PDB file of N, CA and C in Angstrom:
ATOM      1  N   UNK A   1       1.476   4.919  -5.897  1.00  0.00           N
ATOM      2  CA  UNK A   1       1.285   3.499  -6.129  1.00  0.00           C
ATOM      3  C   UNK A   1       2.661   2.868  -6.257  1.00  0.00           C
ATOM      4  N   UNK A   2       2.886   1.760  -5.595  1.00  0.00           N
ATOM      5  CA  UNK A   2       4.151   1.035  -5.672  1.00  0.00           C
ATOM      6  C   UNK A   2       4.000  -0.054  -6.711  1.00  0.00           C
ATOM      7  N   UNK A   3       4.683   0.133  -7.812  1.00  0.00           N
ATOM      8  CA  UNK A   3       4.684  -0.869  -8.856  1.00  0.00           C
ATOM      9  C   UNK A   3       5.839  -1.822  -8.603  1.00  0.00           C
ATOM     10  N   UNK A   4       5.854  -2.977  -9.275  1.00  0.00           N
ATOM     11  CA  UNK A   4       6.915  -3.949  -9.003  1.00  0.00           C
ATOM     12  C   UNK A   4       8.327  -3.376  -9.132  1.00  0.00           C
ATOM     13  N   UNK A   5       8.529  -2.362  -9.969  1.00  0.00           N
ATOM     14  CA  UNK A   5       9.867  -1.805 -10.173  1.00  0.00           C
ATOM     15  C   UNK A   5      10.146  -0.594  -9.281  1.00  0.00           C
ATOM     16  N   UNK A   6       9.180  -0.153  -8.454  1.00  0.00           N
ATOM     17  CA  UNK A   6       9.371   1.002  -7.605  1.00  0.00           C
ATOM     18  C   UNK A   6       9.920   0.611  -6.243  1.00  0.00           C
ATOM     19  N   UNK A   7      10.532   1.592  -5.592  1.00  0.00           N
ATOM     20  CA  UNK A   7      11.009   1.395  -4.233  1.00  0.00           C
ATOM     21  C   UNK A   7       9.984   1.980  -3.267  1.00  0.00           C
ATOM     22  N   UNK A   8      10.135   1.649  -1.981  1.00  0.00           N
ATOM     23  CA  UNK A   8       9.248   2.228  -0.977  1.00  0.00           C
ATOM     24  C   UNK A   8       9.404   3.739  -0.931  1.00  0.00           C
ATOM     25  N   UNK A   9      10.622   4.228  -1.158  1.00  0.00           N
ATOM     26  CA  UNK A   9      10.853   5.662  -1.135  1.00  0.00           C
ATOM     27  C   UNK A   9      10.051   6.337  -2.238  1.00  0.00           C
ATOM     28  N   UNK A  10      10.003   5.730  -3.433  1.00  0.00           N
ATOM     29  CA  UNK A  10       9.210   6.285  -4.519  1.00  0.00           C
ATOM     30  C   UNK A  10       7.739   6.364  -4.130  1.00  0.00           C
ATOM     31  N   UNK A  11       7.237   5.336  -3.467  1.00  0.00           N
ATOM     32  CA  UNK A  11       5.827   5.312  -3.066  1.00  0.00           C
ATOM     33  C   UNK A  11       5.555   6.373  -2.008  1.00  0.00           C
ATOM     34  N   UNK A  12       6.526   6.665  -1.172  1.00  0.00           N
ATOM     35  CA  UNK A  12       6.324   7.628  -0.097  1.00  0.00           C
ATOM     36  C   UNK A  12       6.363   9.065  -0.598  1.00  0.00           C
ATOM     37  N   UNK A  13       7.135   9.361  -1.638  1.00  0.00           N
ATOM     38  CA  UNK A  13       7.258  10.738  -2.097  1.00  0.00           C
ATOM     39  C   UNK A  13       6.184  11.120  -3.092  1.00  0.00           C
ATOM     40  N   UNK A  14       5.529  10.180  -3.685  1.00  0.00           N
ATOM     41  CA  UNK A  14       4.442  10.474  -4.607  1.00  0.00           C
ATOM     42  C   UNK A  14       3.175  10.681  -3.792  1.00  0.00           C
ATOM     43  N   UNK A  15       2.437  11.760  -4.039  1.00  0.00           N
ATOM     44  CA  UNK A  15       1.217  11.953  -3.269  1.00  0.00           C
ATOM     45  C   UNK A  15       0.254  10.792  -3.495  1.00  0.00           C
ATOM     46  N   UNK A  16      -0.580  10.502  -2.517  1.00  0.00           N
ATOM     47  CA  UNK A  16      -1.525   9.402  -2.694  1.00  0.00           C
ATOM     48  C   UNK A  16      -2.335   9.617  -3.962  1.00  0.00           C
ATOM     49  N   UNK A  17      -2.514   8.558  -4.754  1.00  0.00           N
ATOM     50  CA  UNK A  17      -3.252   8.713  -6.007  1.00  0.00           C
ATOM     51  C   UNK A  17      -4.717   8.992  -5.753  1.00  0.00           C
ATOM     52  N   UNK A  18      -5.339   9.636  -6.715  1.00  0.00           N
ATOM     53  CA  UNK A  18      -6.779   9.825  -6.655  1.00  0.00           C
ATOM     54  C   UNK A  18      -7.407   8.480  -6.979  1.00  0.00           C
ATOM     55  N   UNK A  19      -8.116   7.934  -6.032  1.00  0.00           N
ATOM     56  CA  UNK A  19      -8.712   6.617  -6.207  1.00  0.00           C
ATOM     57  C   UNK A  19     -10.037   6.791  -6.923  1.00  0.00           C
ATOM     58  N   UNK A  20     -10.205   6.092  -8.051  1.00  0.00           N
ATOM     59  CA  UNK A  20     -11.461   6.235  -8.781  1.00  0.00           C
ATOM     60  C   UNK A  20     -12.644   5.799  -7.924  1.00  0.00           C
ATOM     61  N   UNK A  21     -13.762   6.468  -8.103  1.00  0.00           N
ATOM     62  CA  UNK A  21     -14.969   6.130  -7.364  1.00  0.00           C
ATOM     63  C   UNK A  21     -15.609   4.906  -8.002  1.00  0.00           C
ATOM     64  N   UNK A  22     -15.636   3.823  -7.261  1.00  0.00           N
ATOM     65  CA  UNK A  22     -16.196   2.580  -7.781  1.00  0.00           C
ATOM     66  C   UNK A  22     -17.552   2.273  -7.159  1.00  0.00           C
ATOM     67  N   UNK A  23     -18.114   3.236  -6.408  1.00  0.00           N
ATOM     68  CA  UNK A  23     -19.375   2.985  -5.727  1.00  0.00           C
ATOM     69  C   UNK A  23     -20.484   2.578  -6.689  1.00  0.00           C
ATOM     70  N   UNK A  24     -20.486   3.161  -7.881  1.00  0.00           N
ATOM     71  CA  UNK A  24     -21.540   2.841  -8.837  1.00  0.00           C
ATOM     72  C   UNK A  24     -21.453   1.404  -9.313  1.00  0.00           C
ATOM     73  N   UNK A  25     -20.231   0.887  -9.445  1.00  0.00           N
ATOM     74  CA  UNK A  25     -20.038  -0.478  -9.936  1.00  0.00           C
ATOM     75  C   UNK A  25     -19.906  -1.481  -8.801  1.00  0.00           C
ATOM     76  N   UNK A  26     -19.963  -1.031  -7.577  1.00  0.00           N
ATOM     77  CA  UNK A  26     -19.788  -1.900  -6.433  1.00  0.00           C
ATOM     78  C   UNK A  26     -18.497  -1.575  -5.722  1.00  0.00           C
ATOM     79  N   UNK A  27     -18.269  -2.178  -4.568  1.00  0.00           N
ATOM     80  CA  UNK A  27     -17.051  -1.883  -3.813  1.00  0.00           C
ATOM     81  C   UNK A  27     -15.804  -2.358  -4.556  1.00  0.00           C
ATOM     82  N   UNK A  28     -14.693  -1.653  -4.322  1.00  0.00           N
ATOM     83  CA  UNK A  28     -13.446  -1.977  -5.020  1.00  0.00           C
ATOM     84  C   UNK A  28     -13.040  -3.421  -4.791  1.00  0.00           C
ATOM     85  N   UNK A  29     -13.255  -3.940  -3.595  1.00  0.00           N
ATOM     86  CA  UNK A  29     -12.766  -5.286  -3.282  1.00  0.00           C
ATOM     87  C   UNK A  29     -13.513  -6.377  -4.039  1.00  0.00           C
ATOM     88  N   UNK A  30     -14.646  -6.042  -4.634  1.00  0.00           N
ATOM     89  CA  UNK A  30     -15.360  -7.034  -5.444  1.00  0.00           C
ATOM     90  C   UNK A  30     -14.541  -7.428  -6.675  1.00  0.00           C
ATOM     91  N   UNK A  31     -13.658  -6.527  -7.121  1.00  0.00           N
ATOM     92  CA  UNK A  31     -12.834  -6.781  -8.298  1.00  0.00           C
ATOM     93  C   UNK A  31     -11.439  -7.303  -7.951  1.00  0.00           C
ATOM     94  N   UNK A  32     -11.159  -7.478  -6.688  1.00  0.00           N
ATOM     95  CA  UNK A  32      -9.820  -7.880  -6.253  1.00  0.00           C
ATOM     96  C   UNK A  32      -9.478  -9.306  -6.704  1.00  0.00           C
ATOM     97  N   UNK A  33      -8.305  -9.463  -7.270  1.00  0.00           N
ATOM     98  CA  UNK A  33      -7.835 -10.772  -7.728  1.00  0.00           C
ATOM     99  C   UNK A  33      -7.689 -11.731  -6.552  1.00  0.00           C
ATOM    100  N   UNK A  34      -7.308 -11.214  -5.387  1.00  0.00           N
ATOM    101  CA  UNK A  34      -7.069 -12.081  -4.225  1.00  0.00           C
ATOM    102  C   UNK A  34      -8.335 -12.780  -3.738  1.00  0.00           C
ATOM    103  N   UNK A  35      -9.490 -12.317  -4.139  1.00  0.00           N
ATOM    104  CA  UNK A  35     -10.736 -12.978  -3.732  1.00  0.00           C
ATOM    105  C   UNK A  35     -10.800 -14.401  -4.276  1.00  0.00           C
ATOM    106  N   UNK A  36     -10.023 -14.645  -5.331  1.00  0.00           N
ATOM    107  CA  UNK A  36     -10.012 -15.973  -5.944  1.00  0.00           C
ATOM    108  C   UNK A  36      -8.854 -16.831  -5.437  1.00  0.00           C
ATOM    109  N   UNK A  37      -8.000 -16.264  -4.593  1.00  0.00           N
ATOM    110  CA  UNK A  37      -6.839 -16.985  -4.083  1.00  0.00           C
ATOM    111  C   UNK A  37      -7.036 -17.356  -2.628  1.00  0.00           C
ATOM    112  N   UNK A  38      -6.189 -18.226  -2.169  1.00  0.00           N
ATOM    113  CA  UNK A  38      -6.237 -18.649  -0.770  1.00  0.00           C
ATOM    114  C   UNK A  38      -5.859 -17.490   0.146  1.00  0.00           C
ATOM    115  N   UNK A  39      -6.687 -17.196   1.130  1.00  0.00           N
ATOM    116  CA  UNK A  39      -6.433 -16.086   2.052  1.00  0.00           C
ATOM    117  C   UNK A  39      -5.128 -16.273   2.814  1.00  0.00           C
ATOM    118  N   UNK A  40      -4.712 -17.510   3.041  1.00  0.00           N
ATOM    119  CA  UNK A  40      -3.476 -17.791   3.759  1.00  0.00           C
ATOM    120  C   UNK A  40      -2.246 -17.248   3.063  1.00  0.00           C
ATOM    121  N   UNK A  41      -2.359 -16.967   1.786  1.00  0.00           N
ATOM    122  CA  UNK A  41      -1.243 -16.398   1.040  1.00  0.00           C
ATOM    123  C   UNK A  41      -0.962 -14.972   1.509  1.00  0.00           C
ATOM    124  N   UNK A  42      -1.974 -14.271   1.965  1.00  0.00           N
ATOM    125  CA  UNK A  42      -1.857 -12.854   2.305  1.00  0.00           C
ATOM    126  C   UNK A  42      -1.668 -12.590   3.794  1.00  0.00           C
ATOM    127  N   UNK A  43      -1.901 -13.599   4.625  1.00  0.00           N
ATOM    128  CA  UNK A  43      -1.777 -13.425   6.068  1.00  0.00           C
ATOM    129  C   UNK A  43      -0.932 -14.546   6.650  1.00  0.00           C
ATOM    130  N   UNK A  44      -0.035 -14.174   7.565  1.00  0.00           N
ATOM    131  CA  UNK A  44       0.924 -15.121   8.134  1.00  0.00           C
ATOM    132  C   UNK A  44       0.275 -16.066   9.138  1.00  0.00           C
ATOM    133  N   UNK A  45       0.609 -17.341   9.027  1.00  0.00           N
ATOM    134  CA  UNK A  45       0.207 -18.259  10.096  1.00  0.00           C
ATOM    135  C   UNK A  45       1.081 -17.989  11.325  1.00  0.00           C
ATOM    136  N   UNK A  46       0.632 -18.410  12.485  1.00  0.00           N
ATOM    137  CA  UNK A  46       1.431 -18.167  13.682  1.00  0.00           C
ATOM    138  C   UNK A  46       2.752 -18.943  13.607  1.00  0.00           C
ATOM    139  N   UNK A  47       3.795 -18.326  14.119  1.00  0.00           N
ATOM    140  CA  UNK A  47       5.141 -18.921  14.187  1.00  0.00           C
ATOM    141  C   UNK A  47       5.668 -19.371  12.817  1.00  0.00           C
ATOM    142  N   UNK A  48       5.414 -18.578  11.797  1.00  0.00           N
ATOM    143  CA  UNK A  48       5.892 -18.888  10.448  1.00  0.00           C
ATOM    144  C   UNK A  48       7.392 -18.617  10.362  1.00  0.00           C
ATOM    145  N   UNK A  49       8.188 -19.571   9.874  1.00  0.00           N
ATOM    146  CA  UNK A  49       9.632 -19.336   9.701  1.00  0.00           C
ATOM    147  C   UNK A  49       9.882 -18.191   8.712  1.00  0.00           C
ATOM    148  N   UNK A  50      10.955 -17.467   8.913  1.00  0.00           N
ATOM    149  CA  UNK A  50      11.260 -16.295   8.095  1.00  0.00           C
ATOM    150  C   UNK A  50      11.311 -16.620   6.612  1.00  0.00           C
ATOM    151  N   UNK A  51      11.988 -17.671   6.220  1.00  0.00           N
ATOM    152  CA  UNK A  51      12.103 -18.019   4.799  1.00  0.00           C
ATOM    153  C   UNK A  51      10.724 -18.301   4.197  1.00  0.00           C
ATOM    154  N   UNK A  52       9.891 -18.988   4.942  1.00  0.00           N
ATOM    155  CA  UNK A  52       8.540 -19.287   4.457  1.00  0.00           C
ATOM    156  C   UNK A  52       7.715 -18.009   4.341  1.00  0.00           C
ATOM    157  N   UNK A  53       7.869 -17.105   5.314  1.00  0.00           N
ATOM    158  CA  UNK A  53       7.140 -15.835   5.283  1.00  0.00           C
ATOM    159  C   UNK A  53       7.528 -15.006   4.068  1.00  0.00           C
ATOM    160  N   UNK A  54       8.831 -14.915   3.820  1.00  0.00           N
ATOM    161  CA  UNK A  54       9.304 -14.132   2.676  1.00  0.00           C
ATOM    162  C   UNK A  54       8.798 -14.708   1.354  1.00  0.00           C
ATOM    163  N   UNK A  55       8.822 -16.020   1.225  1.00  0.00           N
ATOM    164  CA  UNK A  55       8.333 -16.669   0.001  1.00  0.00           C
ATOM    165  C   UNK A  55       6.833 -16.442  -0.164  1.00  0.00           C
ATOM    166  N   UNK A  56       6.084 -16.560   0.932  1.00  0.00           N
ATOM    167  CA  UNK A  56       4.640 -16.355   0.882  1.00  0.00           C
ATOM    168  C   UNK A  56       4.324 -14.915   0.514  1.00  0.00           C
ATOM    169  N   UNK A  57       5.023 -13.961   1.119  1.00  0.00           N
ATOM    170  CA  UNK A  57       4.785 -12.552   0.819  1.00  0.00           C
ATOM    171  C   UNK A  57       5.096 -12.224  -0.635  1.00  0.00           C
ATOM    172  N   UNK A  58       6.167 -12.786  -1.170  1.00  0.00           N
ATOM    173  CA  UNK A  58       6.490 -12.551  -2.578  1.00  0.00           C
ATOM    174  C   UNK A  58       5.408 -13.132  -3.495  1.00  0.00           C
ATOM    175  N   UNK A  59       4.892 -14.307  -3.151  1.00  0.00           N
ATOM    176  CA  UNK A  59       3.807 -14.902  -3.935  1.00  0.00           C
ATOM    177  C   UNK A  59       2.562 -14.012  -3.860  1.00  0.00           C
ATOM    178  N   UNK A  60       2.256 -13.481  -2.695  1.00  0.00           N
ATOM    179  CA  UNK A  60       1.105 -12.590  -2.543  1.00  0.00           C
ATOM    180  C   UNK A  60       1.304 -11.319  -3.366  1.00  0.00           C
ATOM    181  N   UNK A  61       2.514 -10.774  -3.365  1.00  0.00           N
ATOM    182  CA  UNK A  61       2.806  -9.568  -4.134  1.00  0.00           C
ATOM    183  C   UNK A  61       2.658  -9.809  -5.633  1.00  0.00           C
ATOM    184  N   UNK A  62       2.967 -11.021  -6.083  1.00  0.00           N
ATOM    185  CA  UNK A  62       2.771 -11.341  -7.507  1.00  0.00           C
ATOM    186  C   UNK A  62       1.286 -11.317  -7.856  1.00  0.00           C
ATOM    187  N   UNK A  63       0.455 -11.791  -6.949  1.00  0.00           N
ATOM    188  CA  UNK A  63      -0.995 -11.718  -7.160  1.00  0.00           C
ATOM    189  C   UNK A  63      -1.420 -10.253  -7.213  1.00  0.00           C
ATOM    190  N   UNK A  64      -0.936  -9.457  -6.277  1.00  0.00           N
ATOM    191  CA  UNK A  64      -1.281  -8.031  -6.233  1.00  0.00           C
ATOM    192  C   UNK A  64      -0.867  -7.307  -7.513  1.00  0.00           C
ATOM    193  N   UNK A  65       0.272  -7.667  -8.049  1.00  0.00           N
ATOM    194  CA  UNK A  65       0.807  -6.980  -9.222  1.00  0.00           C
ATOM    195  C   UNK A  65      -0.116  -7.091 -10.435  1.00  0.00           C
ATOM    196  N   UNK A  66      -0.942  -8.112 -10.488  1.00  0.00           N
ATOM    197  CA  UNK A  66      -1.848  -8.267 -11.625  1.00  0.00           C
ATOM    198  C   UNK A  66      -3.286  -7.873 -11.290  1.00  0.00           C
ATOM    199  N   UNK A  67      -3.471  -7.264 -10.133  1.00  0.00           N
ATOM    200  CA  UNK A  67      -4.808  -6.919  -9.659  1.00  0.00           C
ATOM    201  C   UNK A  67      -5.249  -5.548 -10.175  1.00  0.00           C
ATOM    202  N   UNK A  68      -6.478  -5.448 -10.702  1.00  0.00           N
ATOM    203  CA  UNK A  68      -6.949  -4.161 -11.227  1.00  0.00           C
ATOM    204  C   UNK A  68      -7.268  -3.133 -10.136  1.00  0.00           C
ATOM    205  N   UNK A  69      -7.378  -3.558  -8.896  1.00  0.00           N
ATOM    206  CA  UNK A  69      -7.702  -2.627  -7.808  1.00  0.00           C
ATOM    207  C   UNK A  69      -6.568  -2.534  -6.788  1.00  0.00           C
ATOM    208  N   UNK A  70      -5.344  -2.771  -7.228  1.00  0.00           N
ATOM    209  CA  UNK A  70      -4.198  -2.740  -6.324  1.00  0.00           C
ATOM    210  C   UNK A  70      -4.065  -1.379  -5.635  1.00  0.00           C
ATOM    211  N   UNK A  71      -4.251  -0.293  -6.364  1.00  0.00           N
ATOM    212  CA  UNK A  71      -4.100   1.046  -5.792  1.00  0.00           C
ATOM    213  C   UNK A  71      -5.162   1.289  -4.712  1.00  0.00           C
ATOM    214  N   UNK A  72      -6.406   0.940  -4.998  1.00  0.00           N
ATOM    215  CA  UNK A  72      -7.473   1.115  -4.018  1.00  0.00           C
ATOM    216  C   UNK A  72      -7.203   0.281  -2.768  1.00  0.00           C
ATOM    217  N   UNK A  73      -6.742  -0.935  -2.958  1.00  0.00           N
ATOM    218  CA  UNK A  73      -6.432  -1.834  -1.853  1.00  0.00           C
ATOM    219  C   UNK A  73      -5.327  -1.252  -0.986  1.00  0.00           C
ATOM    220  N   UNK A  74      -4.267  -0.766  -1.625  1.00  0.00           N
ATOM    221  CA  UNK A  74      -3.138  -0.197  -0.884  1.00  0.00           C
ATOM    222  C   UNK A  74      -3.576   1.027  -0.093  1.00  0.00           C
ATOM    223  N   UNK A  75      -4.334   1.908  -0.729  1.00  0.00           N
ATOM    224  CA  UNK A  75      -4.772   3.106  -0.039  1.00  0.00           C
ATOM    225  C   UNK A  75      -5.706   2.763   1.117  1.00  0.00           C
ATOM    226  N   UNK A  76      -6.552   1.770   0.940  1.00  0.00           N
ATOM    227  CA  UNK A  76      -7.401   1.305   2.044  1.00  0.00           C
ATOM    228  C   UNK A  76      -6.526   0.873   3.223  1.00  0.00           C
ATOM    229  N   UNK A  77      -5.521   0.059   2.934  1.00  0.00           N
ATOM    230  CA  UNK A  77      -4.651  -0.461   3.991  1.00  0.00           C
ATOM    231  C   UNK A  77      -3.845   0.646   4.666  1.00  0.00           C
ATOM    232  N   UNK A  78      -3.487   1.676   3.924  1.00  0.00           N
ATOM    233  CA  UNK A  78      -2.732   2.786   4.499  1.00  0.00           C
ATOM    234  C   UNK A  78      -3.639   3.705   5.313  1.00  0.00           C
ATOM    235  N   UNK A  79      -4.867   3.892   4.885  1.00  0.00           N
ATOM    236  CA  UNK A  79      -5.778   4.791   5.584  1.00  0.00           C
ATOM    237  C   UNK A  79      -6.387   4.170   6.835  1.00  0.00           C
ATOM    238  N   UNK A  80      -6.532   2.835   6.882  1.00  0.00           N
ATOM    239  CA  UNK A  80      -7.197   2.188   8.014  1.00  0.00           C
ATOM    240  C   UNK A  80      -6.430   2.348   9.324  1.00  0.00           C
ATOM    241  N   UNK A  81      -5.204   2.131   9.525  1.00  0.00           N
ATOM    242  CA  UNK A  81      -4.275   1.288   8.769  1.00  0.00           C
ATOM    243  C   UNK A  81      -4.449  -0.188   9.141  1.00  0.00           C
ATOM    244  N   UNK A  82      -4.280  -1.026   8.140  1.00  0.00           N
ATOM    245  CA  UNK A  82      -4.349  -2.476   8.349  1.00  0.00           C
ATOM    246  C   UNK A  82      -3.036  -2.933   8.977  1.00  0.00           C
ATOM    247  N   UNK A  83      -3.053  -3.566  10.143  1.00  0.00           N
ATOM    248  CA  UNK A  83      -1.805  -3.925  10.822  1.00  0.00           C
ATOM    249  C   UNK A  83      -1.179  -5.234  10.362  1.00  0.00           C
ATOM    250  N   UNK A  84      -1.899  -6.052   9.608  1.00  0.00           N
ATOM    251  CA  UNK A  84      -1.388  -7.371   9.232  1.00  0.00           C
ATOM    252  C   UNK A  84      -1.630  -7.636   7.752  1.00  0.00           C
ATOM    253  N   UNK A  85      -0.822  -8.532   7.215  1.00  0.00           N
ATOM    254  CA  UNK A  85      -1.057  -9.045   5.876  1.00  0.00           C
ATOM    255  C   UNK A  85      -0.463  -8.220   4.753  1.00  0.00           C
ATOM    256  N   UNK A  86      -0.582  -8.771   3.555  1.00  0.00           N
ATOM    257  CA  UNK A  86      -0.159  -8.091   2.329  1.00  0.00           C
ATOM    258  C   UNK A  86      -1.405  -7.456   1.731  1.00  0.00           C
ATOM    259  N   UNK A  87      -1.358  -6.155   1.560  1.00  0.00           N
ATOM    260  CA  UNK A  87      -2.457  -5.384   0.977  1.00  0.00           C
ATOM    261  C   UNK A  87      -1.875  -4.484  -0.109  1.00  0.00           C
ATOM    262  N   UNK A  88      -2.431  -4.527  -1.287  1.00  0.00           N
ATOM    263  CA  UNK A  88      -1.973  -3.641  -2.351  1.00  0.00           C
ATOM    264  C   UNK A  88      -0.506  -3.809  -2.681  1.00  0.00           C
ATOM    265  N   UNK A  89       0.018  -5.011  -2.503  1.00  0.00           N
ATOM    266  CA  UNK A  89       1.412  -5.280  -2.837  1.00  0.00           C
ATOM    267  C   UNK A  89       2.418  -4.873  -1.778  1.00  0.00           C
ATOM    268  N   UNK A  90       1.940  -4.466  -0.596  1.00  0.00           N
ATOM    269  CA  UNK A  90       2.855  -4.065   0.474  1.00  0.00           C
ATOM    270  C   UNK A  90       2.595  -4.895   1.722  1.00  0.00           C
ATOM    271  N   UNK A  91       3.660  -5.275   2.395  1.00  0.00           N
ATOM    272  CA  UNK A  91       3.541  -5.960   3.683  1.00  0.00           C
ATOM    273  C   UNK A  91       3.231  -4.916   4.757  1.00  0.00           C
ATOM    274  N   UNK A  92       2.890  -5.369   5.947  1.00  0.00           N
ATOM    275  CA  UNK A  92       2.614  -4.452   7.055  1.00  0.00           C
ATOM    276  C   UNK A  92       3.835  -3.578   7.342  1.00  0.00           C
ATOM    277  N   UNK A  93       5.015  -4.156   7.329  1.00  0.00           N
ATOM    278  CA  UNK A  93       6.241  -3.385   7.590  1.00  0.00           C
ATOM    279  C   UNK A  93       6.469  -2.341   6.499  1.00  0.00           C
ATOM    280  N   UNK A  94       6.240  -2.712   5.251  1.00  0.00           N
ATOM    281  CA  UNK A  94       6.410  -1.760   4.142  1.00  0.00           C
ATOM    282  C   UNK A  94       5.386  -0.631   4.235  1.00  0.00           C
ATOM    283  N   UNK A  95       4.174  -0.957   4.649  1.00  0.00           N
ATOM    284  CA  UNK A  95       3.156   0.091   4.816  1.00  0.00           C
ATOM    285  C   UNK A  95       3.543   1.056   5.924  1.00  0.00           C
ATOM    286  N   UNK A  96       4.124   0.544   7.013  1.00  0.00           N
ATOM    287  CA  UNK A  96       4.575   1.431   8.088  1.00  0.00           C
ATOM    288  C   UNK A  96       5.640   2.411   7.575  1.00  0.00           C
ATOM    289  N   UNK A  97       6.536   1.929   6.726  1.00  0.00           N
ATOM    290  CA  UNK A  97       7.573   2.799   6.156  1.00  0.00           C
ATOM    291  C   UNK A  97       6.928   3.871   5.285  1.00  0.00           C
ATOM    292  N   UNK A  98       5.998   3.485   4.432  1.00  0.00           N
ATOM    293  CA  UNK A  98       5.325   4.448   3.557  1.00  0.00           C
ATOM    294  C   UNK A  98       4.586   5.487   4.393  1.00  0.00           C
ATOM    295  N   UNK A  99       3.861   5.047   5.423  1.00  0.00           N
ATOM    296  CA  UNK A  99       3.126   5.987   6.277  1.00  0.00           C
ATOM    297  C   UNK A  99       4.061   6.942   7.003  1.00  0.00           C
ATOM    298  N   UNK A 100       5.174   6.429   7.508  1.00  0.00           N
ATOM    299  CA  UNK A 100       6.144   7.283   8.197  1.00  0.00           C
ATOM    300  C   UNK A 100       6.694   8.329   7.251  1.00  0.00           C
ATOM    301  N   UNK A 101       7.028   7.930   6.042  1.00  0.00           N
ATOM    302  CA  UNK A 101       7.576   8.880   5.062  1.00  0.00           C
ATOM    303  C   UNK A 101       6.530   9.894   4.628  1.00  0.00           C
ATOM    304  N   UNK A 102       5.295   9.455   4.465  1.00  0.00           N
ATOM    305  CA  UNK A 102       4.226  10.394   4.098  1.00  0.00           C
ATOM    306  C   UNK A 102       4.026  11.418   5.212  1.00  0.00           C
ATOM    307  N   UNK A 103       3.987  10.955   6.450  1.00  0.00           N
ATOM    308  CA  UNK A 103       3.796  11.875   7.580  1.00  0.00           C
ATOM    309  C   UNK A 103       4.952  12.860   7.669  1.00  0.00           C
ATOM    310  N   UNK A 104       6.157  12.368   7.496  1.00  0.00           N
ATOM    311  CA  UNK A 104       7.338  13.243   7.544  1.00  0.00           C
ATOM    312  C   UNK A 104       7.267  14.278   6.428  1.00  0.00           C
ATOM    313  N   UNK A 105       6.905  13.843   5.229  1.00  0.00           N
ATOM    314  CA  UNK A 105       6.810  14.757   4.084  1.00  0.00           C
ATOM    315  C   UNK A 105       5.728  15.804   4.342  1.00  0.00           C
ATOM    316  N   UNK A 106       4.581  15.373   4.867  1.00  0.00           N
ATOM    317  CA  UNK A 106       3.496  16.308   5.148  1.00  0.00           C
ATOM    318  C   UNK A 106       3.901  17.311   6.220  1.00  0.00           C
ATOM    319  N   UNK A 107       4.665  16.885   7.212  1.00  0.00           N
ATOM    320  CA  UNK A 107       5.122  17.779   8.268  1.00  0.00           C
ATOM    321  C   UNK A 107       6.127  18.794   7.734  1.00  0.00           C
ATOM    322  N   UNK A 108       6.892  18.412   6.731  1.00  0.00           N
ATOM    323  CA  UNK A 108       7.915  19.294   6.168  1.00  0.00           C
ATOM    324  C   UNK A 108       7.339  20.273   5.160  1.00  0.00           C
ATOM    325  N   UNK A 109       6.202  19.975   4.553  1.00  0.00           N
ATOM    326  CA  UNK A 109       5.653  20.829   3.501  1.00  0.00           C
ATOM    327  C   UNK A 109       5.396  22.264   3.954  1.00  0.00           C
ATOM    328  N   UNK A 110       4.758  22.508   5.101  1.00  0.00           N
ATOM    329  CA  UNK A 110       4.548  23.908   5.502  1.00  0.00           C
ATOM    330  C   UNK A 110       5.860  24.656   5.711  1.00  0.00           C
ATOM    331  N   UNK A 111       6.887  23.974   6.174  1.00  0.00           N
ATOM    332  CA  UNK A 111       8.189  24.609   6.396  1.00  0.00           C
ATOM    333  C   UNK A 111       8.873  24.954   5.086  1.00  0.00           C
ATOM    334  N   UNK A 112       8.584  24.201   4.043  1.00  0.00           N
ATOM    335  CA  UNK A 112       9.258  24.400   2.770  1.00  0.00           C
ATOM    336  C   UNK A 112       8.602  25.488   1.920  1.00  0.00           C
ATOM    337  N   UNK A 113       7.427  25.976   2.317  1.00  0.00           N
ATOM    338  CA  UNK A 113       6.725  26.995   1.534  1.00  0.00           C
ATOM    339  C   UNK A 113       7.512  28.296   1.569  1.00  0.00           C
ATOM    340  N   UNK A 114       7.632  28.952   0.411  1.00  0.00           N
ATOM    341  CA  UNK A 114       8.400  30.203   0.379  1.00  0.00           C
ATOM    342  C   UNK A 114       7.666  31.308   1.157  1.00  0.00           C
ATOM    343  N   UNK A 115       8.457  32.144   1.803  1.00  0.00           N
ATOM    344  CA  UNK A 115       7.918  33.262   2.575  1.00  0.00           C
ATOM    345  C   UNK A 115       7.545  34.376   1.605  1.00  0.00           C
ATOM    346  N   UNK A 116       6.406  35.026   1.817  1.00  0.00           N
ATOM    347  CA  UNK A 116       6.042  36.149   0.943  1.00  0.00           C
ATOM    348  C   UNK A 116       7.018  37.308   1.159  1.00  0.00           C
ATOM    349  N   UNK A 117       7.261  38.030   0.106  1.00  0.00           N
ATOM    350  CA  UNK A 117       8.178  39.169   0.185  1.00  0.00           C
ATOM    351  C   UNK A 117       7.523  40.302   0.959  1.00  0.00           C
ATOM    352  N   UNK A 118       8.327  40.936   1.813  1.00  0.00           N
ATOM    353  CA  UNK A 118       7.817  42.073   2.586  1.00  0.00           C
ATOM    354  C   UNK A 118       7.690  43.257   1.662  1.00  0.00           C
ATOM    355  N   UNK A 119       6.653  43.987   1.798  1.00  0.00           N
ATOM    356  CA  UNK A 119       6.584  45.062   0.850  1.00  0.00           C
ATOM    357  C   UNK A 119       5.673  46.091   1.166  1.00  0.00           C
TER     358      UNK A 119
END
């Protein structure tokens, strides 16, 4: 989980969190804080200037930071993968970085396993 004080590298090296099963209480997105906010905050309008995009994304991330289902949202966006918007406090570009690092880490894990001693 990427908290406001974490870096993308921290999010990539931590194994994906165990997402609590919310099926009994309803889908995770029913509890999402963003359901009460303007959807335009989380998705870019066409031809949005860079400064406006950065400000909008930061505002969306502030909403995510107070959301009780931020982890579930982020994992959904990483598993789908969602190609656009701010999900779980990460932009599409940040999610691509996390996915690349996770894939690289997973590819390296079998190589890093110690060899059994011959005997």
